PDB file of N, CA and C in Angstrom:
ATOM      1  N   MET A   1      58.388 144.286 263.599  1.00  0.00           N
ATOM      2  CA  MET A   1      59.506 143.650 263.477  1.00  0.00           C
ATOM      3  C   MET A   1      60.705 144.116 264.100  1.00  0.00           C
ATOM      4  N   SER A   2      61.509 143.336 264.852  1.00  0.00           N
ATOM      5  CA  SER A   2      62.244 143.685 266.191  1.00  0.00           C
ATOM      6  C   SER A   2      63.671 144.238 265.411  1.00  0.00           C
ATOM      7  N   LYS A   3      64.610 144.578 265.973  1.00  0.00           N
ATOM      8  CA  LYS A   3      65.787 145.159 265.445  1.00  0.00           C
ATOM      9  C   LYS A   3      66.720 143.843 265.161  1.00  0.00           C
ATOM     10  N   ASN A   4      66.639 142.843 266.002  1.00  0.00           N
ATOM     11  CA  ASN A   4      67.565 141.699 265.625  1.00  0.00           C
ATOM     12  C   ASN A   4      66.827 140.910 264.274  1.00  0.00           C
ATOM     13  N   GLN A   5      65.603 141.027 264.192  1.00  0.00           N
ATOM     14  CA  GLN A   5      65.040 140.203 262.955  1.00  0.00           C
ATOM     15  C   GLN A   5      65.261 140.952 261.773  1.00  0.00           C
ATOM     16  N   LEU A   6      65.189 142.434 261.844  1.00  0.00           N
ATOM     17  CA  LEU A   6      65.668 143.298 260.852  1.00  0.00           C
ATOM     18  C   LEU A   6      67.108 143.087 260.332  1.00  0.00           C
ATOM     19  N   LEU A   7      68.047 142.691 261.409  1.00  0.00           N
ATOM     20  CA  LEU A   7      69.341 142.750 261.018  1.00  0.00           C
ATOM     21  C   LEU A   7      69.612 141.324 260.325  1.00  0.00           C
ATOM     22  N   SER A   8      68.886 140.242 260.820  1.00  0.00           N
ATOM     23  CA  SER A   8      69.057 139.057 260.195  1.00  0.00           C
ATOM     24  C   SER A   8      68.558 138.776 258.603  1.00  0.00           C
ATOM     25  N   THR A   9      67.690 139.585 258.484  1.00  0.00           N
ATOM     26  CA  THR A   9      67.046 139.674 257.299  1.00  0.00           C
ATOM     27  C   THR A   9      67.765 140.460 256.384  1.00  0.00           C
ATOM     28  N   ARG A  10      68.434 141.221 256.799  1.00  0.00           N
ATOM     29  CA  ARG A  10      69.251 142.223 255.943  1.00  0.00           C
ATOM     30  C   ARG A  10      70.646 141.451 255.587  1.00  0.00           C
ATOM     31  N   SER A  11      71.168 140.766 256.743  1.00  0.00           N
ATOM     32  CA  SER A  11      72.262 139.992 256.088  1.00  0.00           C
ATOM     33  C   SER A  11      71.999 138.841 255.221  1.00  0.00           C
ATOM     34  N   LYS A  12      70.735 138.146 255.514  1.00  0.00           N
ATOM     35  CA  LYS A  12      70.576 137.198 254.324  1.00  0.00           C
ATOM     36  C   LYS A  12      70.233 137.793 252.862  1.00  0.00           C
ATOM     37  N   VAL A  13      69.679 138.945 252.859  1.00  0.00           N
ATOM     38  CA  VAL A  13      69.697 139.802 251.602  1.00  0.00           C
ATOM     39  C   VAL A  13      71.099 139.951 251.228  1.00  0.00           C
ATOM     40  N   ASP A  14      72.025 140.624 252.134  1.00  0.00           N
ATOM     41  CA  ASP A  14      73.378 140.838 251.291  1.00  0.00           C
ATOM     42  C   ASP A  14      73.981 139.565 251.026  1.00  0.00           C
ATOM     43  N   ALA A  15      73.583 138.364 251.513  1.00  0.00           N
ATOM     44  CA  ALA A  15      74.326 137.168 251.194  1.00  0.00           C
ATOM     45  C   ALA A  15      73.770 136.633 250.081  1.00  0.00           C
ATOM     46  N   VAL A  16      72.952 136.867 249.297  1.00  0.00           N
ATOM     47  CA  VAL A  16      72.395 136.590 247.955  1.00  0.00           C
ATOM     48  C   VAL A  16      73.466 137.261 246.857  1.00  0.00           C
ATOM     49  N   PRO A  17      73.758 138.264 246.801  1.00  0.00           N
ATOM     50  CA  PRO A  17      74.514 138.517 245.843  1.00  0.00           C
ATOM     51  C   PRO A  17      75.976 137.826 245.939  1.00  0.00           C
ATOM     52  N   PHE A  18      76.433 137.603 246.990  1.00  0.00           N
ATOM     53  CA  PHE A  18      77.807 136.875 247.100  1.00  0.00           C
ATOM     54  C   PHE A  18      77.482 135.534 246.772  1.00  0.00           C
ATOM     55  N   ILE A  19      76.439 134.772 247.119  1.00  0.00           N
ATOM     56  CA  ILE A  19      76.232 133.387 247.061  1.00  0.00           C
ATOM     57  C   ILE A  19      76.036 133.376 245.045  1.00  0.00           C
ATOM     58  N   ALA A  20      75.475 134.337 244.443  1.00  0.00           N
ATOM     59  CA  ALA A  20      75.148 134.531 243.057  1.00  0.00           C
ATOM     60  C   ALA A  20      76.818 134.698 242.755  1.00  0.00           C
ATOM     61  N   GLN A  21      77.448 135.396 243.136  1.00  0.00           N
ATOM     62  CA  GLN A  21      78.905 135.650 242.556  1.00  0.00           C
ATOM     63  C   GLN A  21      79.578 134.484 242.496  1.00  0.00           C
ATOM     64  N   GLN A  22      79.773 133.655 243.564  1.00  0.00           N
ATOM     65  CA  GLN A  22      80.306 132.580 243.786  1.00  0.00           C
ATOM     66  C   GLN A  22      79.832 131.529 242.790  1.00  0.00           C
ATOM     67  N   LEU A  23      78.547 131.533 242.481  1.00  0.00           N
ATOM     68  CA  LEU A  23      78.285 130.333 241.675  1.00  0.00           C
ATOM     69  C   LEU A  23      78.200 130.825 240.300  1.00  0.00           C
ATOM     70  N   VAL A  24      78.594 131.840 239.832  1.00  0.00           N
ATOM     71  CA  VAL A  24      78.866 132.540 238.622  1.00  0.00           C
ATOM     72  C   VAL A  24      80.194 131.944 238.434  1.00  0.00           C
ATOM     73  N   ALA A  25      81.157 132.581 239.288  1.00  0.00           N
ATOM     74  CA  ALA A  25      82.856 132.102 239.370  1.00  0.00           C
ATOM     75  C   ALA A  25      82.897 130.777 239.302  1.00  0.00           C
ATOM     76  N   ALA A  26      82.070 129.741 239.765  1.00  0.00           N
ATOM     77  CA  ALA A  26      82.531 128.531 239.786  1.00  0.00           C
ATOM     78  C   ALA A  26      82.082 127.942 238.506  1.00  0.00           C
ATOM     79  N   ASN A  27      81.206 128.401 237.797  1.00  0.00           N
ATOM     80  CA  ASN A  27      80.598 127.819 236.548  1.00  0.00           C
ATOM     81  C   ASN A  27      81.290 128.434 235.239  1.00  0.00           C
ATOM     82  N   THR A  28      82.048 129.786 235.453  1.00  0.00           N
ATOM     83  CA  THR A  28      82.874 130.281 234.380  1.00  0.00           C
ATOM     84  C   THR A  28      84.003 129.281 233.918  1.00  0.00           C
ATOM     85  N   PRO A  29      84.153 129.156 232.781  1.00  0.00           N
ATOM     86  CA  PRO A  29      85.129 128.325 232.279  1.00  0.00           C
ATOM     87  C   PRO A  29      86.677 129.229 232.427  1.00  0.00           C
ATOM     88  N   ARG A  30      87.632 128.506 232.930  1.00  0.00           N
ATOM     89  CA  ARG A  30      88.680 129.087 233.103  1.00  0.00           C
ATOM     90  C   ARG A  30      89.904 128.825 231.989  1.00  0.00           C
ATOM     91  N   LYS A  31      90.886 129.631 231.864  1.00  0.00           N
ATOM     92  CA  LYS A  31      91.533 129.457 231.114  1.00  0.00           C
ATOM     93  C   LYS A  31      92.950 128.329 231.396  1.00  0.00           C
ATOM     94  N   LEU A  32      93.109 127.171 230.657  1.00  0.00           N
ATOM     95  CA  LEU A  32      94.117 126.517 231.285  1.00  0.00           C
ATOM     96  C   LEU A  32      95.554 126.869 230.648  1.00  0.00           C
ATOM     97  N   ASP A  33      96.332 127.037 231.261  1.00  0.00           N
ATOM     98  CA  ASP A  33      97.965 127.476 231.030  1.00  0.00           C
ATOM     99  C   ASP A  33      98.802 126.206 230.537  1.00  0.00           C
ATOM    100  N   ILE A  34      98.648 125.824 229.318  1.00  0.00           N
ATOM    101  CA  ILE A  34      99.142 124.496 228.794  1.00  0.00           C
ATOM    102  C   ILE A  34     100.226 124.650 228.222  1.00  0.00           C
ATOM    103  N   ASP A  35     101.617 124.102 228.448  1.00  0.00           N
ATOM    104  CA  ASP A  35     102.728 124.183 227.895  1.00  0.00           C
ATOM    105  C   ASP A  35     102.843 122.813 227.004  1.00  0.00           C
ATOM    106  N   GLY A  36     102.931 123.103 225.842  1.00  0.00           N
ATOM    107  CA  GLY A  36     103.124 122.026 224.589  1.00  0.00           C
ATOM    108  C   GLY A  36     104.283 121.100 225.046  1.00  0.00           C
ATOM    109  N   ASP A  37     105.278 121.457 225.514  1.00  0.00           N
ATOM    110  CA  ASP A  37     106.476 120.588 225.754  1.00  0.00           C
ATOM    111  C   ASP A  37     105.997 119.710 226.825  1.00  0.00           C
ATOM    112  N   ARG A  38     105.436 120.101 227.964  1.00  0.00           N
ATOM    113  CA  ARG A  38     105.088 119.635 229.206  1.00  0.00           C
ATOM    114  C   ARG A  38     104.137 118.475 228.887  1.00  0.00           C
ATOM    115  N   VAL A  39     103.254 119.121 227.814  1.00  0.00           N
ATOM    116  CA  VAL A  39     102.146 117.971 227.578  1.00  0.00           C
ATOM    117  C   VAL A  39     102.808 116.618 226.902  1.00  0.00           C
ATOM    118  N   ARG A  40     103.746 117.215 225.729  1.00  0.00           N
ATOM    119  CA  ARG A  40     104.460 115.967 225.035  1.00  0.00           C
ATOM    120  C   ARG A  40     105.004 115.121 226.098  1.00  0.00           C
ATOM    121  N   ASN A  41     105.861 115.862 226.762  1.00  0.00           N
ATOM    122  CA  ASN A  41     106.707 114.897 227.779  1.00  0.00           C
ATOM    123  C   ASN A  41     105.892 114.097 228.717  1.00  0.00           C
ATOM    124  N   GLY A  42     104.948 114.719 228.940  1.00  0.00           N
ATOM    125  CA  GLY A  42     103.847 113.791 229.963  1.00  0.00           C
ATOM    126  C   GLY A  42     103.028 112.780 229.131  1.00  0.00           C
ATOM    127  N   LEU A  43     102.883 112.943 227.940  1.00  0.00           N
ATOM    128  CA  LEU A  43     102.374 111.865 227.249  1.00  0.00           C
ATOM    129  C   LEU A  43     103.208 110.779 226.801  1.00  0.00           C
ATOM    130  N   ALA A  44     104.519 111.161 226.503  1.00  0.00           N
ATOM    131  CA  ALA A  44     105.797 110.437 226.263  1.00  0.00           C
ATOM    132  C   ALA A  44     106.088 109.403 227.544  1.00  0.00           C
ATOM    133  N   GLN A  45     105.892 110.187 228.799  1.00  0.00           N
ATOM    134  CA  GLN A  45     106.047 109.327 229.979  1.00  0.00           C
ATOM    135  C   GLN A  45     104.937 108.290 230.210  1.00  0.00           C
ATOM    136  N   LEU A  46     103.735 108.640 229.945  1.00  0.00           N
ATOM    137  CA  LEU A  46     102.771 107.686 230.053  1.00  0.00           C
ATOM    138  C   LEU A  46     102.859 106.426 229.266  1.00  0.00           C
ATOM    139  N   VAL A  47     102.943 106.644 227.631  1.00  0.00           N
ATOM    140  CA  VAL A  47     103.247 105.987 226.771  1.00  0.00           C
ATOM    141  C   VAL A  47     104.514 104.974 227.161  1.00  0.00           C
ATOM    142  N   LEU A  48     105.532 105.356 227.519  1.00  0.00           N
ATOM    143  CA  LEU A  48     106.866 104.661 227.724  1.00  0.00           C
ATOM    144  C   LEU A  48     106.499 103.810 228.839  1.00  0.00           C
ATOM    145  N   THR A  49     105.730 104.230 230.107  1.00  0.00           N
ATOM    146  CA  THR A  49     105.639 103.662 231.203  1.00  0.00           C
ATOM    147  C   THR A  49     104.954 102.224 230.688  1.00  0.00           C
ATOM    148  N   LEU A  50     103.622 102.571 229.758  1.00  0.00           N
ATOM    149  CA  LEU A  50     103.006 101.254 229.556  1.00  0.00           C
ATOM    150  C   LEU A  50     103.844 100.266 228.619  1.00  0.00           C
ATOM    151  N   VAL A  51     104.722 100.899 227.660  1.00  0.00           N
ATOM    152  CA  VAL A  51     105.651  99.947 226.962  1.00  0.00           C
ATOM    153  C   VAL A  51     106.409  99.053 228.000  1.00  0.00           C
ATOM    154  N   LYS A  52     107.001  99.969 228.748  1.00  0.00           N
ATOM    155  CA  LYS A  52     107.986  99.458 229.550  1.00  0.00           C
ATOM    156  C   LYS A  52     107.218  98.121 230.719  1.00  0.00           C
ATOM    157  N   LEU A  53     105.966  98.453 231.153  1.00  0.00           N
ATOM    158  CA  LEU A  53     105.049  97.344 231.833  1.00  0.00           C
ATOM    159  C   LEU A  53     105.094  96.120 231.228  1.00  0.00           C
ATOM    160  N   LEU A  54     104.784  96.401 229.566  1.00  0.00           N
ATOM    161  CA  LEU A  54     104.427  95.166 229.008  1.00  0.00           C
ATOM    162  C   LEU A  54     105.809  94.438 228.654  1.00  0.00           C
ATOM    163  N   HIS A  55     106.955  95.055 228.414  1.00  0.00           N
ATOM    164  CA  HIS A  55     108.069  94.693 228.306  1.00  0.00           C
ATOM    165  C   HIS A  55     108.520  93.753 229.804  1.00  0.00           C
ATOM    166  N   GLU A  56     108.207  94.222 230.766  1.00  0.00           N
ATOM    167  CA  GLU A  56     108.480  93.507 232.036  1.00  0.00           C
ATOM    168  C   GLU A  56     107.527  92.172 232.068  1.00  0.00           C
ATOM    169  N   LEU A  57     106.208  92.416 231.519  1.00  0.00           N
ATOM    170  CA  LEU A  57     105.399  91.241 231.369  1.00  0.00           C
ATOM    171  C   LEU A  57     105.747  90.015 230.421  1.00  0.00           C
ATOM    172  N   LEU A  58     106.359  90.662 229.224  1.00  0.00           N
ATOM    173  CA  LEU A  58     106.996  89.858 228.492  1.00  0.00           C
ATOM    174  C   LEU A  58     108.269  88.802 228.727  1.00  0.00           C
ATOM    175  N   GLU A  59     109.115  89.556 229.657  1.00  0.00           N
ATOM    176  CA  GLU A  59     110.165  88.954 229.993  1.00  0.00           C
ATOM    177  C   GLU A  59     109.806  87.928 231.305  1.00  0.00           C
ATOM    178  N   ARG A  60     108.794  88.160 231.723  1.00  0.00           N
ATOM    179  CA  ARG A  60     108.262  87.000 233.138  1.00  0.00           C
ATOM    180  C   ARG A  60     107.935  85.966 232.311  1.00  0.00           C
ATOM    181  N   GLN A  61     106.992  86.357 231.224  1.00  0.00           N
ATOM    182  CA  GLN A  61     106.403  85.226 230.565  1.00  0.00           C
ATOM    183  C   GLN A  61     107.524  84.318 229.970  1.00  0.00           C
ATOM    184  N   ALA A  62     108.561  84.922 229.345  1.00  0.00           N
ATOM    185  CA  ALA A  62     109.433  84.097 228.559  1.00  0.00           C
ATOM    186  C   ALA A  62     110.146  83.411 229.843  1.00  0.00           C
ATOM    187  N   ILE A  63     110.568  83.983 230.834  1.00  0.00           N
ATOM    188  CA  ILE A  63     111.281  82.928 232.100  1.00  0.00           C
ATOM    189  C   ILE A  63     110.327  81.870 232.392  1.00  0.00           C
ATOM    190  N   ARG A  64     109.157  81.993 232.521  1.00  0.00           N
ATOM    191  CA  ARG A  64     108.189  81.035 232.755  1.00  0.00           C
ATOM    192  C   ARG A  64     108.234  79.983 231.650  1.00  0.00           C
ATOM    193  N   ARG A  65     108.312  80.390 230.538  1.00  0.00           N
ATOM    194  CA  ARG A  65     108.139  79.358 229.521  1.00  0.00           C
ATOM    195  C   ARG A  65     109.624  78.559 229.347  1.00  0.00           C
ATOM    196  N   MET A  66     110.649  79.293 229.593  1.00  0.00           N
ATOM    197  CA  MET A  66     112.009  78.777 229.630  1.00  0.00           C
ATOM    198  C   MET A  66     112.171  77.803 230.736  1.00  0.00           C
ATOM    199  N   ASP A  67     111.571  78.031 232.052  1.00  0.00           N
ATOM    200  CA  ASP A  67     111.466  77.181 232.948  1.00  0.00           C
ATOM    201  C   ASP A  67     110.773  75.854 232.913  1.00  0.00           C
ATOM    202  N   SER A  68     109.725  76.189 232.262  1.00  0.00           N
ATOM    203  CA  SER A  68     108.690  74.855 231.873  1.00  0.00           C
ATOM    204  C   SER A  68     109.272  74.294 230.744  1.00  0.00           C
ATOM    205  N   GLY A  69     110.360  74.342 230.155  1.00  0.00           N
ATOM    206  CA  GLY A  69     111.078  73.672 229.273  1.00  0.00           C
ATOM    207  C   GLY A  69     110.147  73.832 227.732  1.00  0.00           C
ATOM    208  N   SER A  70     109.370  74.689 227.548  1.00  0.00           N
ATOM    209  CA  SER A  70     108.571  74.781 226.326  1.00  0.00           C
ATOM    210  C   SER A  70     109.296  75.530 225.090  1.00  0.00           C
ATOM    211  N   LEU A  71     110.560  76.056 225.252  1.00  0.00           N
ATOM    212  CA  LEU A  71     111.123  76.581 224.214  1.00  0.00           C
ATOM    213  C   LEU A  71     112.473  75.682 223.938  1.00  0.00           C
ATOM    214  N   SER A  72     112.612  75.671 222.435  1.00  0.00           N
ATOM    215  CA  SER A  72     114.023  75.268 222.104  1.00  0.00           C
ATOM    216  C   SER A  72     114.833  76.202 222.492  1.00  0.00           C
ATOM    217  N   ASP A  73     116.405  75.632 222.120  1.00  0.00           N
ATOM    218  CA  ASP A  73     117.506  76.643 222.728  1.00  0.00           C
ATOM    219  C   ASP A  73     117.457  77.854 221.692  1.00  0.00           C
ATOM    220  N   GLU A  74     117.034  77.450 220.324  1.00  0.00           N
ATOM    221  CA  GLU A  74     116.959  78.651 219.379  1.00  0.00           C
ATOM    222  C   GLU A  74     116.025  79.399 219.628  1.00  0.00           C
ATOM    223  N   GLU A  75     115.020  79.099 219.932  1.00  0.00           N
ATOM    224  CA  GLU A  75     113.770  80.275 220.583  1.00  0.00           C
ATOM    225  C   GLU A  75     114.354  80.795 221.675  1.00  0.00           C
ATOM    226  N   ILE A  76     114.762  80.439 222.686  1.00  0.00           N
ATOM    227  CA  ILE A  76     115.414  81.064 223.708  1.00  0.00           C
ATOM    228  C   ILE A  76     116.228  82.064 223.413  1.00  0.00           C
ATOM    229  N   GLU A  77     117.380  81.747 222.547  1.00  0.00           N
ATOM    230  CA  GLU A  77     118.367  82.749 221.968  1.00  0.00           C
ATOM    231  C   GLU A  77     117.599  84.012 221.463  1.00  0.00           C
ATOM    232  N   ARG A  78     116.510  83.666 220.490  1.00  0.00           N
ATOM    233  CA  ARG A  78     115.855  84.603 219.728  1.00  0.00           C
ATOM    234  C   ARG A  78     114.921  85.480 220.569  1.00  0.00           C
ATOM    235  N   LEU A  79     114.370  84.768 221.518  1.00  0.00           N
ATOM    236  CA  LEU A  79     113.525  85.677 222.327  1.00  0.00           C
ATOM    237  C   LEU A  79     114.684  86.610 223.203  1.00  0.00           C
ATOM    238  N   GLY A  80     115.410  85.900 223.638  1.00  0.00           N
ATOM    239  CA  GLY A  80     116.459  87.043 224.540  1.00  0.00           C
ATOM    240  C   GLY A  80     116.917  88.054 223.732  1.00  0.00           C
ATOM    241  N   MET A  81     117.383  87.678 222.684  1.00  0.00           N
ATOM    242  CA  MET A  81     117.975  88.792 221.714  1.00  0.00           C
ATOM    243  C   MET A  81     116.781  89.838 221.230  1.00  0.00           C
ATOM    244  N   THR A  82     115.595  89.565 221.178  1.00  0.00           N
ATOM    245  CA  THR A  82     114.308  90.464 220.936  1.00  0.00           C
ATOM    246  C   THR A  82     114.378  91.343 222.158  1.00  0.00           C
ATOM    247  N   LEU A  83     114.384  90.760 223.321  1.00  0.00           N
ATOM    248  CA  LEU A  83     113.710  91.433 224.470  1.00  0.00           C
ATOM    249  C   LEU A  83     114.825  92.389 224.953  1.00  0.00           C
ATOM    250  N   MET A  84     116.237  91.961 224.513  1.00  0.00           N
ATOM    251  CA  MET A  84     117.535  93.002 224.593  1.00  0.00           C
ATOM    252  C   MET A  84     117.264  94.262 223.676  1.00  0.00           C
ATOM    253  N   ARG A  85     116.926  93.903 222.573  1.00  0.00           N
ATOM    254  CA  ARG A  85     116.590  95.045 221.547  1.00  0.00           C
ATOM    255  C   ARG A  85     115.549  96.044 221.941  1.00  0.00           C
ATOM    256  N   GLN A  86     114.433  95.392 222.562  1.00  0.00           N
ATOM    257  CA  GLN A  86     113.475  96.088 222.964  1.00  0.00           C
ATOM    258  C   GLN A  86     113.876  96.937 224.340  1.00  0.00           C
ATOM    259  N   ALA A  87     114.608  96.336 225.343  1.00  0.00           N
ATOM    260  CA  ALA A  87     114.996  97.084 226.326  1.00  0.00           C
ATOM    261  C   ALA A  87     115.777  98.348 225.835  1.00  0.00           C
ATOM    262  N   GLU A  88     116.869  98.057 225.007  1.00  0.00           N
ATOM    263  CA  GLU A  88     117.725  98.934 224.435  1.00  0.00           C
ATOM    264  C   GLU A  88     116.975 100.420 223.619  1.00  0.00           C
ATOM    265  N   GLU A  89     115.794  99.892 223.012  1.00  0.00           N
ATOM    266  CA  GLU A  89     115.225 101.074 222.116  1.00  0.00           C
ATOM    267  C   GLU A  89     114.317 101.728 223.524  1.00  0.00           C
ATOM    268  N   LEU A  90     113.809 101.040 224.196  1.00  0.00           N
ATOM    269  CA  LEU A  90     113.192 101.733 225.597  1.00  0.00           C
ATOM    270  C   LEU A  90     113.840 102.895 226.135  1.00  0.00           C
ATOM    271  N   ASP A  91     115.112 102.345 226.254  1.00  0.00           N
ATOM    272  CA  ASP A  91     116.240 103.605 226.774  1.00  0.00           C
ATOM    273  C   ASP A  91     116.486 104.439 226.055  1.00  0.00           C
ATOM    274  N   ASN A  92     116.620 104.304 224.767  1.00  0.00           N
ATOM    275  CA  ASN A  92     116.904 105.334 223.776  1.00  0.00           C
ATOM    276  C   ASN A  92     115.642 106.317 223.644  1.00  0.00           C
ATOM    277  N   LEU A  93     114.512 105.901 223.825  1.00  0.00           N
ATOM    278  CA  LEU A  93     113.281 106.643 223.696  1.00  0.00           C
ATOM    279  C   LEU A  93     113.250 107.713 225.153  1.00  0.00           C
ATOM    280  N   ARG A  94     113.470 106.692 226.177  1.00  0.00           N
ATOM    281  CA  ARG A  94     113.574 107.435 227.477  1.00  0.00           C
ATOM    282  C   ARG A  94     114.676 108.536 227.372  1.00  0.00           C
ATOM    283  N   GLU A  95     115.575 108.503 227.019  1.00  0.00           N
ATOM    284  CA  GLU A  95     116.749 109.321 226.957  1.00  0.00           C
ATOM    285  C   GLU A  95     116.425 110.476 225.719  1.00  0.00           C
ATOM    286  N   VAL A  96     115.624 110.351 224.651  1.00  0.00           N
ATOM    287  CA  VAL A  96     114.903 111.278 223.850  1.00  0.00           C
ATOM    288  C   VAL A  96     114.165 112.441 224.261  1.00  0.00           C
ATOM    289  N   PHE A  97     113.253 111.909 225.231  1.00  0.00           N
ATOM    290  CA  PHE A  97     112.290 112.579 225.946  1.00  0.00           C
ATOM    291  C   PHE A  97     112.989 113.083 227.296  1.00  0.00           C
ATOM    292  N   GLY A  98     114.033 112.850 227.562  1.00  0.00           N
ATOM    293  CA  GLY A  98     114.727 113.543 228.820  1.00  0.00           C
ATOM    294  C   GLY A  98     113.997 112.764 230.310  1.00  0.00           C
ATOM    295  N   LEU A  99     113.798 111.550 230.100  1.00  0.00           N
ATOM    296  CA  LEU A  99     113.118 110.835 231.195  1.00  0.00           C
ATOM    297  C   LEU A  99     114.145 110.052 231.982  1.00  0.00           C
ATOM    298  N   LYS A 100     113.924 109.933 233.300  1.00  0.00           N
ATOM    299  CA  LYS A 100     114.940 108.886 234.047  1.00  0.00           C
ATOM    300  C   LYS A 100     114.124 107.753 234.054  1.00  0.00           C
ATOM    301  N   ASP A 101     114.994 106.689 234.659  1.00  0.00           N
ATOM    302  CA  ASP A 101     114.267 105.244 234.592  1.00  0.00           C
ATOM    303  C   ASP A 101     113.106 105.263 235.544  1.00  0.00           C
ATOM    304  N   GLU A 102     113.299 106.198 236.641  1.00  0.00           N
ATOM    305  CA  GLU A 102     112.085 106.331 237.954  1.00  0.00           C
ATOM    306  C   GLU A 102     111.125 107.058 237.331  1.00  0.00           C
ATOM    307  N   ASP A 103     111.253 107.741 236.429  1.00  0.00           N
ATOM    308  CA  ASP A 103     110.208 108.520 236.030  1.00  0.00           C
ATOM    309  C   ASP A 103     108.992 107.563 235.536  1.00  0.00           C
ATOM    310  N   LEU A 104     109.348 106.413 235.015  1.00  0.00           N
ATOM    311  CA  LEU A 104     108.519 105.657 234.191  1.00  0.00           C
ATOM    312  C   LEU A 104     108.013 104.633 235.221  1.00  0.00           C
ATOM    313  N   ASN A 105     108.114 104.724 236.715  1.00  0.00           N
ATOM    314  CA  ASN A 105     107.796 103.985 237.750  1.00  0.00           C
ATOM    315  C   ASN A 105     106.563 105.045 238.635  1.00  0.00           C
ATOM    316  N   LEU A 106     105.370 104.661 238.067  1.00  0.00           N
ATOM    317  CA  LEU A 106     104.339 105.502 238.346  1.00  0.00           C
ATOM    318  C   LEU A 106     103.888 105.102 239.766  1.00  0.00           C
ATOM    319  N   ASN A 107     103.587 106.027 240.888  1.00  0.00           N
ATOM    320  CA  ASN A 107     103.018 105.807 242.066  1.00  0.00           C
ATOM    321  C   ASN A 107     101.774 105.689 242.160  1.00  0.00           C
ATOM    322  N   LEU A 108     101.167 104.543 242.485  1.00  0.00           N
ATOM    323  CA  LEU A 108      99.734 104.423 242.545  1.00  0.00           C
ATOM    324  C   LEU A 108      98.960 104.496 243.774  1.00  0.00           C
ATOM    325  N   GLY A 109      99.513 105.488 244.930  1.00  0.00           N
ATOM    326  CA  GLY A 109      98.751 105.603 245.993  1.00  0.00           C
ATOM    327  C   GLY A 109      98.919 104.455 246.685  1.00  0.00           C
ATOM    328  N   PRO A 110      98.024 104.075 247.578  1.00  0.00           N
ATOM    329  CA  PRO A 110      97.736 102.775 248.091  1.00  0.00           C
ATOM    330  C   PRO A 110      98.505 101.470 247.706  1.00  0.00           C
ATOM    331  N   LEU A 111      98.440 101.509 246.554  1.00  0.00           N
ATOM    332  CA  LEU A 111      98.750 100.096 245.705  1.00  0.00           C
ATOM    333  C   LEU A 111     100.114 100.123 245.563  1.00  0.00           C
ATOM    334  N   GLY A 112     100.987 101.092 245.726  1.00  0.00           N
ATOM    335  CA  GLY A 112     102.274 101.238 245.874  1.00  0.00           C
ATOM    336  C   GLY A 112     102.797 101.662 244.202  1.00  0.00           C
ATOM    337  N   ARG A 113     104.240 101.205 243.957  1.00  0.00           N
ATOM    338  CA  ARG A 113     104.703 101.802 242.662  1.00  0.00           C
ATOM    339  C   ARG A 113     104.296 100.510 241.656  1.00  0.00           C
ATOM    340  N   LEU A 114     104.182 101.195 240.297  1.00  0.00           N
ATOM    341  CA  LEU A 114     103.809 100.312 239.396  1.00  0.00           C
ATOM    342  C   LEU A 114     104.709  99.400 238.975  1.00  0.00           C
ATOM    343  N   LEU A 115     106.149  99.420 238.874  1.00  0.00           N
ATOM    344  CA  LEU A 115     107.299  98.681 238.280  1.00  0.00           C
ATOM    345  C   LEU A 115     108.168  98.486 239.714  1.00  0.00           C
TER     346      LEU A 115
END
């Protein structure tokens, strides 16, 4: 066996423990540093974002129904008041969790902003 072949074989043998260590490290469970307040606020942000999205969809549907003439004046008034109260409650909840209005507008990457 030549000197080069011997060195090549030796480096392959040395690489085996290194590769084994890397595989063990990759499959070892790691501790997550979870902050309860951050998790709570993140969940609140997600839920409020979805509720705000539904609120905006309801507003658009109400406008379509008003434009089509399918609502009476009383229904329009009731719908408007309900949507206003819903928007106020959304703002109150947003303030409780210390979120700004732009925090509820998720970035969807190539699709753009959600709201």
